[in-house]
Structure formats: C-alpha cells, structure tokens
Amino acid sequence: MQRREWIYGWLLLLPAFALLALFTHIPAVATFWDSFFSTPRGRREARFIGWENYERLLDDPIFWKVLTNNLWFALGTIPLSMILALAMALWVNQQFFGRGFLRMAYFTPTVLPLIAVANIWLFFYTPGFGLIDQILGLFGFAQTNLLGSPDTALVAVMAVTIWKEAGFFMIFYLAALQSIPPSLLEAARIEGAGSWTTFRRIVFPLLMPTTLFVSINAVINSFRLVDHLFILTGGGPDNASSLLLFYIYETAFRFWDTAYGATLTVVMLILLSLLAIGQFFLFDRKVHYR
C-alpha cells in the first residue's frame, strides 16, 4: 500500500517535472554547451572553440556598458517599487470608502500588456506633443527629449518599470498584511504602542518572508526587461538604455551570433543565481516563518 501511494505521488508530480525539465533545465544545459562552440553559418557547422566566447565577452565594451546599465536599473527600480508597493498595501488594507476602486487602480498597470504600457508612456514622453511637455509648457519650461538623451533615457525607462511593478508587488504585501492575526495588533494597541512602533516591531518582521519573495522576483524582473525597450528607446541612444537581456536578444536574433548570445545568457544566469543566493543569506536571519 505504501509503495502504491509512493508511485501515485510521483505520477502526480511527473507532469510538472517534465515541463520544468523540458522548458528550463534542458535549455539551460544546452545553452551552456553551445557557449563553447562557434556560431554555425550557412554550410559551415559549429566547431568547438573552448573559452573563446568568454574571452571575447571580457573584452566586449558593449557588454560592460549594458551590465552597468542593468545594475543601475536594478538599484533604481527594486527599492522604489518595493517601498511603493508596501506603502500602497498599507493604505488599501485600511477601511475607507472607495477602497476597492483604489485597489483596482493600483493593480491595473500590472494586467496591461507590456507593449500597451510602453506605448502609453511613449505618448507621455513624446517631445513637444507628449503629456509631460504639455504640462511643463504651462509653467514656461522648454521641450524635453527624455528618451533621446543619454543622460535621461535609462531613468525614463526606470519610471515606467516602477509604475508597472509596484502594483504587482502590492498584491503580495496586501495578502501578507491580511494574514497577520488581528489579536497581535490589538495587543500592541492595548500596550500603548503607536502606529510606527507597531509597524516596526510587529508588522514589518512578519512581512519579511513576503519581502524576500518580492525582492527575488524584483531582481529577476530587472534583468528580463525587453518589451519596453523595443517601443521606448530601442536600447539607445548609443546603448545608454540597453539592458543585458535586450543585448542578448540583439546579439542572438538580430545579428544572428547565437553562440555569443548563449555565452551572454550563461553569464546572466550565473549572475542571477548569485544574487538570489546572496538574498537568501542576507534575509535568512530576518525572516520569521509562522
């Protein structure tokens, strides 16, 4: 009977394992293997070249440019989107008229298609005719080209990302807030704790599992942005707004250098793995599971 239940359990897990292996593990191993070969062109087959692609990567100035962009992009979007998400969740977790409408308004950017979001913000950013320039013009400011300037292009893309992801992370924080036992908050109020003390000593520590989950997702999202760049900047000007995954796409599918694209992908996967492991070690002692 026990053996039968064991077989039945593994059969239930088999479809998930098969999908995970087919679309995650096998492609990852194949990408790692392809990074040691040259790109096949026409009748010329791929040949084993060892570490040449990785040596090329170390000498590639565009790679270091987009990697630096991606690090600044992550540092700019992750903290702000998480802080905004937590603030919005705390607000809409309270009782007030129109709370459901406000929740919907915060979450709406998340369900919009990425291309639609990019086109909406492209209208905002259009020099002279866009909403931002129209508002600034009322106060006598000159026209701006936020997407066309190397100094502001990446920041403009950051604003779009924060606007879209804050509502997504808010849902997780809101669910976590609603799972906190009301008796803990009532006990804190009886003991005379203020709102800030209650949040710092009770609410925020209980939100740490959610914060860990959200932070890992935020890191992954900050390295997989492609759609917005297609519409808003195309990675320009002069790679000022190009990010690592967008550079991988261009290398592999626009310039058809699939081997070097595989090398870039391996580096990105290693980087994301190291960041995720680092986050687990950083938050491990601060996470309180109930």
C-alpha atoms as a PDB file:
ATOM      1  CA  MET A   1       0.000   0.000   0.000  1.00  0.00           C
ATOM      2  CA  GLN A   2       2.810   2.406   0.872  1.00  0.00           C
ATOM      3  CA  ARG A   3       4.623   1.629  -2.373  1.00  0.00           C
ATOM      4  CA  ARG A   4       1.415   2.228  -4.326  1.00  0.00           C
ATOM      5  CA  GLU A   5       0.987   5.658  -2.713  1.00  0.00           C
ATOM      6  CA  TRP A   6       4.638   6.459  -3.480  1.00  0.00           C
ATOM      7  CA  ILE A   7       4.148   5.638  -7.173  1.00  0.00           C
ATOM      8  CA  TYR A   8       0.870   7.576  -7.245  1.00  0.00           C
ATOM      9  CA  GLY A   9       2.575  10.639  -5.732  1.00  0.00           C
ATOM     10  CA  TRP A  10       5.405  10.610  -8.255  1.00  0.00           C
ATOM     11  CA  LEU A  11       2.933  10.202 -11.118  1.00  0.00           C
ATOM     12  CA  LEU A  12       1.165  13.349  -9.929  1.00  0.00           C
ATOM     13  CA  LEU A  13       4.477  15.229  -9.886  1.00  0.00           C
ATOM     14  CA  LEU A  14       5.634  13.852 -13.253  1.00  0.00           C
ATOM     15  CA  PRO A  15       3.863  16.435 -15.496  1.00  0.00           C
ATOM     16  CA  ALA A  16       5.371  19.331 -13.527  1.00  0.00           C
ATOM     17  CA  PHE A  17       8.815  17.735 -13.569  1.00  0.00           C
ATOM     18  CA  ALA A  18       8.546  17.086 -17.305  1.00  0.00           C
ATOM     19  CA  LEU A  19       7.568  20.687 -18.070  1.00  0.00           C
ATOM     20  CA  LEU A  20      10.286  22.042 -15.782  1.00  0.00           C
ATOM     21  CA  ALA A  21      12.942  19.869 -17.397  1.00  0.00           C
ATOM     22  CA  LEU A  22      11.717  20.496 -20.948  1.00  0.00           C
ATOM     23  CA  PHE A  23      11.473  24.277 -20.735  1.00  0.00           C
ATOM     24  CA  THR A  24      14.035  25.135 -18.027  1.00  0.00           C
ATOM     25  CA  HIS A  25      16.766  22.632 -17.233  1.00  0.00           C
ATOM     26  CA  ILE A  26      17.399  21.145 -20.678  1.00  0.00           C
ATOM     27  CA  PRO A  27      17.526  24.571 -22.419  1.00  0.00           C
ATOM     28  CA  ALA A  28      19.880  25.851 -19.687  1.00  0.00           C
ATOM     29  CA  VAL A  29      22.271  22.925 -20.175  1.00  0.00           C
ATOM     30  CA  ALA A  30      22.052  23.258 -23.971  1.00  0.00           C
ATOM     31  CA  THR A  31      22.797  26.994 -23.744  1.00  0.00           C
ATOM     32  CA  PHE A  32      25.833  26.336 -21.552  1.00  0.00           C
ATOM     33  CA  TRP A  33      27.092  23.726 -24.028  1.00  0.00           C
ATOM     34  CA  ASP A  34      26.520  25.999 -27.057  1.00  0.00           C
ATOM     35  CA  SER A  35      28.609  28.740 -25.434  1.00  0.00           C
ATOM     36  CA  PHE A  36      31.733  26.651 -26.115  1.00  0.00           C
ATOM     37  CA  PHE A  37      31.069  26.481 -29.867  1.00  0.00           C
ATOM     38  CA  SER A  38      31.187  28.943 -32.733  1.00  0.00           C
ATOM     39  CA  THR A  39      28.039  30.134 -34.486  1.00  0.00           C
ATOM     40  CA  PRO A  40      27.087  27.958 -37.489  1.00  0.00           C
ATOM     41  CA  ARG A  41      26.741  29.998 -40.668  1.00  0.00           C
ATOM     42  CA  GLY A  42      25.322  28.544 -43.863  1.00  0.00           C
ATOM     43  CA  ARG A  43      27.012  25.237 -44.598  1.00  0.00           C
ATOM     44  CA  ARG A  44      29.753  25.890 -42.051  1.00  0.00           C
ATOM     45  CA  GLU A  45      28.915  23.887 -38.988  1.00  0.00           C
ATOM     46  CA  ALA A  46      29.636  24.974 -35.436  1.00  0.00           C
ATOM     47  CA  ARG A  47      33.060  23.997 -34.124  1.00  0.00           C
ATOM     48  CA  PHE A  48      34.355  23.670 -30.602  1.00  0.00           C
ATOM     49  CA  ILE A  49      36.309  26.795 -29.606  1.00  0.00           C
ATOM     50  CA  GLY A  50      36.567  26.375 -25.830  1.00  0.00           C
ATOM     51  CA  TRP A  51      36.643  29.590 -23.816  1.00  0.00           C
ATOM     52  CA  GLU A  52      36.982  31.962 -26.788  1.00  0.00           C
ATOM     53  CA  ASN A  53      33.459  33.318 -26.432  1.00  0.00           C
ATOM     54  CA  TYR A  54      34.078  34.101 -22.761  1.00  0.00           C
ATOM     55  CA  GLU A  55      37.378  35.806 -23.597  1.00  0.00           C
ATOM     56  CA  ARG A  56      35.522  37.849 -26.199  1.00  0.00           C
ATOM     57  CA  LEU A  57      32.953  38.779 -23.580  1.00  0.00           C
ATOM     58  CA  LEU A  58      35.610  40.108 -21.220  1.00  0.00           C
ATOM     59  CA  ASP A  59      36.905  42.391 -23.991  1.00  0.00           C
ATOM     60  CA  ASP A  60      33.429  43.499 -25.149  1.00  0.00           C
ATOM     61  CA  PRO A  61      32.839  47.163 -24.171  1.00  0.00           C
ATOM     62  CA  ILE A  62      29.126  46.941 -25.022  1.00  0.00           C
ATOM     63  CA  PHE A  63      28.675  44.051 -22.593  1.00  0.00           C
ATOM     64  CA  TRP A  64      30.206  46.063 -19.745  1.00  0.00           C
ATOM     65  CA  LYS A  65      28.086  49.054 -20.753  1.00  0.00           C
ATOM     66  CA  VAL A  66      24.787  47.150 -20.670  1.00  0.00           C
ATOM     67  CA  LEU A  67      25.792  45.308 -17.487  1.00  0.00           C
ATOM     68  CA  THR A  68      26.464  48.645 -15.786  1.00  0.00           C
ATOM     69  CA  ASN A  69      23.134  49.929 -17.092  1.00  0.00           C
ATOM     70  CA  ASN A  70      21.396  46.858 -15.694  1.00  0.00           C
ATOM     71  CA  LEU A  71      22.974  47.261 -12.268  1.00  0.00           C
ATOM     72  CA  TRP A  72      21.906  50.910 -12.096  1.00  0.00           C
ATOM     73  CA  PHE A  73      18.476  49.902 -13.392  1.00  0.00           C
ATOM     74  CA  ALA A  74      18.134  47.291 -10.633  1.00  0.00           C
ATOM     75  CA  LEU A  75      19.337  49.676  -7.932  1.00  0.00           C
ATOM     76  CA  GLY A  76      16.894  52.323  -9.139  1.00  0.00           C
ATOM     77  CA  THR A  77      13.781  50.197  -9.624  1.00  0.00           C
ATOM     78  CA  ILE A  78      13.879  47.468  -6.967  1.00  0.00           C
ATOM     79  CA  PRO A  79      13.912  49.573  -3.755  1.00  0.00           C
ATOM     80  CA  LEU A  80      11.473  52.177  -5.051  1.00  0.00           C
ATOM     81  CA  SER A  81       8.968  49.671  -6.419  1.00  0.00           C
ATOM     82  CA  MET A  82       9.059  47.649  -3.190  1.00  0.00           C
ATOM     83  CA  ILE A  83       8.686  50.723  -0.956  1.00  0.00           C
ATOM     84  CA  LEU A  84       5.788  52.000  -3.064  1.00  0.00           C
ATOM     85  CA  ALA A  85       4.186  48.547  -3.065  1.00  0.00           C
ATOM     86  CA  LEU A  86       4.381  48.315   0.731  1.00  0.00           C
ATOM     87  CA  ALA A  87       3.030  51.857   1.179  1.00  0.00           C
ATOM     88  CA  MET A  88       0.114  51.175  -1.168  1.00  0.00           C
ATOM     89  CA  ALA A  89      -0.642  47.861   0.549  1.00  0.00           C
ATOM     90  CA  LEU A  90      -0.700  49.509   3.976  1.00  0.00           C
ATOM     91  CA  TRP A  91      -3.066  52.160   2.658  1.00  0.00           C
ATOM     92  CA  VAL A  92      -5.560  49.901   0.870  1.00  0.00           C
ATOM     93  CA  ASN A  93      -5.530  47.478   3.817  1.00  0.00           C
ATOM     94  CA  GLN A  94      -7.372  50.094   5.876  1.00  0.00           C
ATOM     95  CA  GLN A  95     -11.127  50.606   5.966  1.00  0.00           C
ATOM     96  CA  PHE A  96     -12.336  53.605   3.920  1.00  0.00           C
ATOM     97  CA  PHE A  97     -14.831  54.446   1.209  1.00  0.00           C
ATOM     98  CA  GLY A  98     -13.664  53.521  -2.304  1.00  0.00           C
ATOM     99  CA  ARG A  99     -11.028  51.057  -1.120  1.00  0.00           C
ATOM    100  CA  GLY A 100     -11.943  48.511  -3.801  1.00  0.00           C
ATOM    101  CA  PHE A 101     -11.647  51.107  -6.555  1.00  0.00           C
ATOM    102  CA  LEU A 102      -8.234  52.210  -5.280  1.00  0.00           C
ATOM    103  CA  ARG A 103      -7.002  48.617  -5.172  1.00  0.00           C
ATOM    104  CA  MET A 104      -8.137  48.152  -8.749  1.00  0.00           C
ATOM    105  CA  ALA A 105      -6.431  51.382  -9.822  1.00  0.00           C
ATOM    106  CA  TYR A 106      -3.132  50.299  -8.257  1.00  0.00           C
ATOM    107  CA  PHE A 107      -3.280  46.840  -9.806  1.00  0.00           C
ATOM    108  CA  THR A 108      -4.445  47.902 -13.291  1.00  0.00           C
ATOM    109  CA  PRO A 109      -0.912  48.641 -14.683  1.00  0.00           C
ATOM    110  CA  THR A 110       0.049  45.046 -13.881  1.00  0.00           C
ATOM    111  CA  VAL A 111      -2.600  43.476 -16.104  1.00  0.00           C
ATOM    112  CA  LEU A 112      -1.943  45.774 -19.062  1.00  0.00           C
ATOM    113  CA  PRO A 113       0.155  44.251 -21.892  1.00  0.00           C
ATOM    114  CA  LEU A 114       3.783  45.388 -21.791  1.00  0.00           C
ATOM    115  CA  ILE A 115       3.606  46.773 -25.330  1.00  0.00           C
ATOM    116  CA  ALA A 116       0.475  48.765 -24.451  1.00  0.00           C
ATOM    117  CA  VAL A 117       2.188  50.189 -21.361  1.00  0.00           C
ATOM    118  CA  ALA A 118       5.207  51.218 -23.421  1.00  0.00           C
ATOM    119  CA  ASN A 119       3.003  52.948 -25.985  1.00  0.00           C
ATOM    120  CA  ILE A 120       1.120  54.818 -23.254  1.00  0.00           C
ATOM    121  CA  TRP A 121       4.357  56.133 -21.795  1.00  0.00           C
ATOM    122  CA  LEU A 122       5.695  56.882 -25.268  1.00  0.00           C
ATOM    123  CA  PHE A 123       2.809  59.312 -25.581  1.00  0.00           C
ATOM    124  CA  PHE A 124       3.835  60.876 -22.256  1.00  0.00           C
ATOM    125  CA  TYR A 125       7.475  61.214 -23.316  1.00  0.00           C
ATOM    126  CA  THR A 126       6.989  62.490 -26.895  1.00  0.00           C
ATOM    127  CA  PRO A 127       8.906  65.808 -27.190  1.00  0.00           C
ATOM    128  CA  GLY A 128       6.650  68.802 -27.705  1.00  0.00           C
ATOM    129  CA  PHE A 129       3.386  66.861 -28.001  1.00  0.00           C
ATOM    130  CA  GLY A 130       3.627  64.478 -25.063  1.00  0.00           C
ATOM    131  CA  LEU A 131       1.730  64.929 -21.802  1.00  0.00           C
ATOM    132  CA  ILE A 132       4.897  65.716 -19.831  1.00  0.00           C
ATOM    133  CA  ASP A 133       5.945  68.516 -22.183  1.00  0.00           C
ATOM    134  CA  GLN A 134       2.396  69.842 -22.316  1.00  0.00           C
ATOM    135  CA  ILE A 135       2.327  70.157 -18.519  1.00  0.00           C
ATOM    136  CA  LEU A 136       5.846  71.599 -18.312  1.00  0.00           C
ATOM    137  CA  GLY A 137       4.950  74.092 -21.042  1.00  0.00           C
ATOM    138  CA  LEU A 138       2.239  75.539 -18.829  1.00  0.00           C
ATOM    139  CA  PHE A 139       4.977  76.612 -16.424  1.00  0.00           C
ATOM    140  CA  GLY A 140       7.264  78.006 -19.111  1.00  0.00           C
ATOM    141  CA  PHE A 141       9.707  75.105 -19.362  1.00  0.00           C
ATOM    142  CA  ALA A 142      11.324  74.215 -22.701  1.00  0.00           C
ATOM    143  CA  GLN A 143      10.696  70.980 -24.560  1.00  0.00           C
ATOM    144  CA  THR A 144      12.461  67.864 -23.307  1.00  0.00           C
ATOM    145  CA  ASN A 145      13.553  64.677 -25.012  1.00  0.00           C
ATOM    146  CA  LEU A 146      13.809  62.273 -22.112  1.00  0.00           C
ATOM    147  CA  LEU A 147      14.091  59.167 -24.285  1.00  0.00           C
ATOM    148  CA  GLY A 148      16.543  60.729 -26.727  1.00  0.00           C
ATOM    149  CA  SER A 149      19.124  61.932 -24.219  1.00  0.00           C
ATOM    150  CA  PRO A 150      21.823  59.549 -22.921  1.00  0.00           C
ATOM    151  CA  ASP A 151      21.525  61.177 -19.502  1.00  0.00           C
ATOM    152  CA  THR A 152      17.797  60.579 -19.043  1.00  0.00           C
ATOM    153  CA  ALA A 153      16.841  57.615 -21.271  1.00  0.00           C
ATOM    154  CA  LEU A 154      17.542  54.949 -18.651  1.00  0.00           C
ATOM    155  CA  VAL A 155      15.813  56.957 -15.918  1.00  0.00           C
ATOM    156  CA  ALA A 156      12.733  57.316 -18.132  1.00  0.00           C
ATOM    157  CA  VAL A 157      12.584  53.543 -18.611  1.00  0.00           C
ATOM    158  CA  MET A 158      13.002  53.098 -14.841  1.00  0.00           C
ATOM    159  CA  ALA A 159       9.924  55.246 -14.223  1.00  0.00           C
ATOM    160  CA  VAL A 160       7.823  53.023 -16.494  1.00  0.00           C
ATOM    161  CA  THR A 161       9.039  49.881 -14.736  1.00  0.00           C
ATOM    162  CA  ILE A 162       8.342  51.225 -11.240  1.00  0.00           C
ATOM    163  CA  TRP A 163       4.862  52.339 -12.295  1.00  0.00           C
ATOM    164  CA  LYS A 164       4.048  48.879 -13.648  1.00  0.00           C
ATOM    165  CA  GLU A 165       5.626  46.654 -10.983  1.00  0.00           C
ATOM    166  CA  ALA A 166       4.642  48.475  -7.789  1.00  0.00           C
ATOM    167  CA  GLY A 167       1.019  47.352  -8.173  1.00  0.00           C
ATOM    168  CA  PHE A 168       2.096  43.763  -8.792  1.00  0.00           C
ATOM    169  CA  PHE A 169       4.193  43.622  -5.625  1.00  0.00           C
ATOM    170  CA  MET A 170       1.400  45.365  -3.709  1.00  0.00           C
ATOM    171  CA  ILE A 171      -0.821  42.292  -4.114  1.00  0.00           C
ATOM    172  CA  PHE A 172       1.678  40.101  -2.265  1.00  0.00           C
ATOM    173  CA  TYR A 173       2.132  42.606   0.529  1.00  0.00           C
ATOM    174  CA  LEU A 174      -1.624  43.050   0.844  1.00  0.00           C
ATOM    175  CA  ALA A 175      -2.135  39.292   1.133  1.00  0.00           C
ATOM    176  CA  ALA A 176       0.582  39.133   3.790  1.00  0.00           C
ATOM    177  CA  LEU A 177      -0.946  42.002   5.752  1.00  0.00           C
ATOM    178  CA  GLN A 178      -4.344  40.322   5.759  1.00  0.00           C
ATOM    179  CA  SER A 179      -2.798  37.115   7.118  1.00  0.00           C
ATOM    180  CA  ILE A 180      -1.434  38.854  10.250  1.00  0.00           C
ATOM    181  CA  PRO A 181      -3.617  37.889  13.249  1.00  0.00           C
ATOM    182  CA  PRO A 182      -5.617  40.951  14.399  1.00  0.00           C
ATOM    183  CA  SER A 183      -5.017  39.888  18.008  1.00  0.00           C
ATOM    184  CA  LEU A 184      -1.339  40.842  17.692  1.00  0.00           C
ATOM    185  CA  LEU A 185      -2.207  44.358  16.563  1.00  0.00           C
ATOM    186  CA  GLU A 186      -4.876  44.717  19.246  1.00  0.00           C
ATOM    187  CA  ALA A 187      -2.405  43.593  21.922  1.00  0.00           C
ATOM    188  CA  ALA A 188       0.079  46.184  20.725  1.00  0.00           C
ATOM    189  CA  ARG A 189      -2.541  48.931  20.916  1.00  0.00           C
ATOM    190  CA  ILE A 190      -3.539  47.844  24.437  1.00  0.00           C
ATOM    191  CA  GLU A 191       0.101  48.047  25.486  1.00  0.00           C
ATOM    192  CA  GLY A 192       0.210  51.631  24.192  1.00  0.00           C
ATOM    193  CA  ALA A 193       2.340  51.070  21.092  1.00  0.00           C
ATOM    194  CA  GLY A 194       1.958  53.728  18.406  1.00  0.00           C
ATOM    195  CA  SER A 195       1.439  53.119  14.702  1.00  0.00           C
ATOM    196  CA  TRP A 196       5.150  53.363  13.864  1.00  0.00           C
ATOM    197  CA  THR A 197       6.208  51.080  16.717  1.00  0.00           C
ATOM    198  CA  THR A 198       3.557  48.533  15.766  1.00  0.00           C
ATOM    199  CA  PHE A 199       4.723  48.552  12.176  1.00  0.00           C
ATOM    200  CA  ARG A 200       8.435  48.355  13.045  1.00  0.00           C
ATOM    201  CA  ARG A 201       8.180  45.758  15.795  1.00  0.00           C
ATOM    202  CA  ILE A 202       5.291  43.555  14.633  1.00  0.00           C
ATOM    203  CA  VAL A 203       4.076  44.145  11.082  1.00  0.00           C
ATOM    204  CA  PHE A 204       7.354  44.506   9.198  1.00  0.00           C
ATOM    205  CA  PRO A 205       9.076  41.460  10.797  1.00  0.00           C
ATOM    206  CA  LEU A 206       6.054  39.344   9.866  1.00  0.00           C
ATOM    207  CA  LEU A 207       6.287  40.656   6.302  1.00  0.00           C
ATOM    208  CA  MET A 208       9.899  39.509   5.856  1.00  0.00           C
ATOM    209  CA  PRO A 209       9.012  36.209   4.060  1.00  0.00           C
ATOM    210  CA  THR A 210       6.991  38.234   1.573  1.00  0.00           C
ATOM    211  CA  THR A 211       9.780  40.813   1.285  1.00  0.00           C
ATOM    212  CA  LEU A 212      12.261  38.036   0.455  1.00  0.00           C
ATOM    213  CA  PHE A 213       9.926  36.611  -2.179  1.00  0.00           C
ATOM    214  CA  VAL A 214       9.212  40.035  -3.689  1.00  0.00           C
ATOM    215  CA  SER A 215      12.878  41.057  -3.712  1.00  0.00           C
ATOM    216  CA  ILE A 216      13.927  37.915  -5.607  1.00  0.00           C
ATOM    217  CA  ASN A 217      11.174  38.457  -8.165  1.00  0.00           C
ATOM    218  CA  ALA A 218      12.146  42.121  -8.460  1.00  0.00           C
ATOM    219  CA  VAL A 219      15.759  41.195  -9.193  1.00  0.00           C
ATOM    220  CA  ILE A 220      14.700  38.699 -11.861  1.00  0.00           C
ATOM    221  CA  ASN A 221      12.321  41.227 -13.427  1.00  0.00           C
ATOM    222  CA  SER A 222      15.024  43.889 -13.525  1.00  0.00           C
ATOM    223  CA  PHE A 223      17.172  41.608 -15.704  1.00  0.00           C
ATOM    224  CA  ARG A 224      14.481  40.404 -18.086  1.00  0.00           C
ATOM    225  CA  LEU A 225      13.120  43.671 -19.436  1.00  0.00           C
ATOM    226  CA  VAL A 226      12.878  43.672 -23.231  1.00  0.00           C
ATOM    227  CA  ASP A 227       9.411  44.775 -24.340  1.00  0.00           C
ATOM    228  CA  HIS A 228       9.587  48.349 -23.060  1.00  0.00           C
ATOM    229  CA  LEU A 229      12.950  48.934 -24.720  1.00  0.00           C
ATOM    230  CA  PHE A 230      11.582  47.859 -28.110  1.00  0.00           C
ATOM    231  CA  ILE A 231       8.989  50.620 -28.080  1.00  0.00           C
ATOM    232  CA  LEU A 232      10.598  53.357 -25.998  1.00  0.00           C
ATOM    233  CA  THR A 233      14.294  53.544 -26.888  1.00  0.00           C
ATOM    234  CA  GLY A 234      15.470  50.513 -28.837  1.00  0.00           C
ATOM    235  CA  GLY A 235      18.372  50.416 -26.402  1.00  0.00           C
ATOM    236  CA  GLY A 236      19.628  53.833 -27.467  1.00  0.00           C
ATOM    237  CA  PRO A 237      20.896  56.394 -27.705  1.00  0.00           C
ATOM    238  CA  ASP A 238      24.345  54.775 -28.009  1.00  0.00           C
ATOM    239  CA  ASN A 239      23.313  51.857 -25.734  1.00  0.00           C
ATOM    240  CA  ALA A 240      22.524  54.310 -22.937  1.00  0.00           C
ATOM    241  CA  SER A 241      19.299  52.443 -22.076  1.00  0.00           C
ATOM    242  CA  SER A 242      20.208  48.963 -23.309  1.00  0.00           C
ATOM    243  CA  LEU A 243      19.947  46.174 -20.725  1.00  0.00           C
ATOM    244  CA  LEU A 244      21.532  42.741 -20.618  1.00  0.00           C
ATOM    245  CA  LEU A 245      18.608  40.670 -21.923  1.00  0.00           C
ATOM    246  CA  PHE A 246      17.946  43.177 -24.697  1.00  0.00           C
ATOM    247  CA  TYR A 247      21.623  42.927 -25.717  1.00  0.00           C
ATOM    248  CA  ILE A 248      21.309  39.123 -25.698  1.00  0.00           C
ATOM    249  CA  TYR A 249      18.265  39.348 -27.953  1.00  0.00           C
ATOM    250  CA  GLU A 250      20.016  41.658 -30.395  1.00  0.00           C
ATOM    251  CA  THR A 251      23.146  39.504 -30.465  1.00  0.00           C
ATOM    252  CA  ALA A 252      21.345  36.201 -30.959  1.00  0.00           C
ATOM    253  CA  PHE A 253      18.394  37.145 -33.172  1.00  0.00           C
ATOM    254  CA  ARG A 254      19.259  40.431 -34.849  1.00  0.00           C
ATOM    255  CA  PHE A 255      22.923  39.805 -35.616  1.00  0.00           C
ATOM    256  CA  TRP A 256      22.474  36.009 -35.518  1.00  0.00           C
ATOM    257  CA  ASP A 257      25.515  35.344 -33.351  1.00  0.00           C
ATOM    258  CA  THR A 258      23.827  32.576 -31.386  1.00  0.00           C
ATOM    259  CA  ALA A 259      26.990  31.223 -29.762  1.00  0.00           C
ATOM    260  CA  TYR A 260      27.945  34.572 -28.272  1.00  0.00           C
ATOM    261  CA  GLY A 261      24.303  35.080 -27.292  1.00  0.00           C
ATOM    262  CA  ALA A 262      24.457  31.749 -25.424  1.00  0.00           C
ATOM    263  CA  THR A 263      27.604  32.953 -23.648  1.00  0.00           C
ATOM    264  CA  LEU A 264      25.875  36.144 -22.548  1.00  0.00           C
ATOM    265  CA  THR A 265      22.890  34.106 -21.361  1.00  0.00           C
ATOM    266  CA  VAL A 266      25.100  31.838 -19.240  1.00  0.00           C
ATOM    267  CA  VAL A 267      26.699  34.871 -17.603  1.00  0.00           C
ATOM    268  CA  MET A 268      23.281  36.354 -16.875  1.00  0.00           C
ATOM    269  CA  LEU A 269      22.028  33.093 -15.331  1.00  0.00           C
ATOM    270  CA  ILE A 270      25.128  32.847 -13.134  1.00  0.00           C
ATOM    271  CA  LEU A 271      24.715  36.459 -12.061  1.00  0.00           C
ATOM    272  CA  LEU A 272      21.030  35.968 -11.183  1.00  0.00           C
ATOM    273  CA  SER A 273      21.827  32.777  -9.273  1.00  0.00           C
ATOM    274  CA  LEU A 274      24.498  34.533  -7.217  1.00  0.00           C
ATOM    275  CA  LEU A 275      22.149  37.425  -6.476  1.00  0.00           C
ATOM    276  CA  ALA A 276      19.348  35.068  -5.406  1.00  0.00           C
ATOM    277  CA  ILE A 277      21.686  33.064  -3.147  1.00  0.00           C
ATOM    278  CA  GLY A 278      23.026  36.287  -1.668  1.00  0.00           C
ATOM    279  CA  GLN A 279      19.488  37.477  -0.921  1.00  0.00           C
ATOM    280  CA  PHE A 280      18.678  34.225   0.879  1.00  0.00           C
ATOM    281  CA  PHE A 281      21.764  34.532   3.071  1.00  0.00           C
ATOM    282  CA  LEU A 282      21.108  38.233   3.685  1.00  0.00           C
ATOM    283  CA  PHE A 283      17.478  37.822   4.747  1.00  0.00           C
ATOM    284  CA  ASP A 284      17.719  34.357   6.312  1.00  0.00           C
ATOM    285  CA  ARG A 285      18.109  35.518   9.926  1.00  0.00           C
ATOM    286  CA  LYS A 286      15.488  38.225   9.481  1.00  0.00           C
ATOM    287  CA  VAL A 287      12.763  36.025   8.040  1.00  0.00           C
ATOM    288  CA  HIS A 288      10.216  34.745  10.545  1.00  0.00           C
ATOM    289  CA  TYR A 289       8.121  31.882   9.218  1.00  0.00           C
ATOM    290  CA  ARG A 290       4.874  31.118  11.007  1.00  0.00           C
END
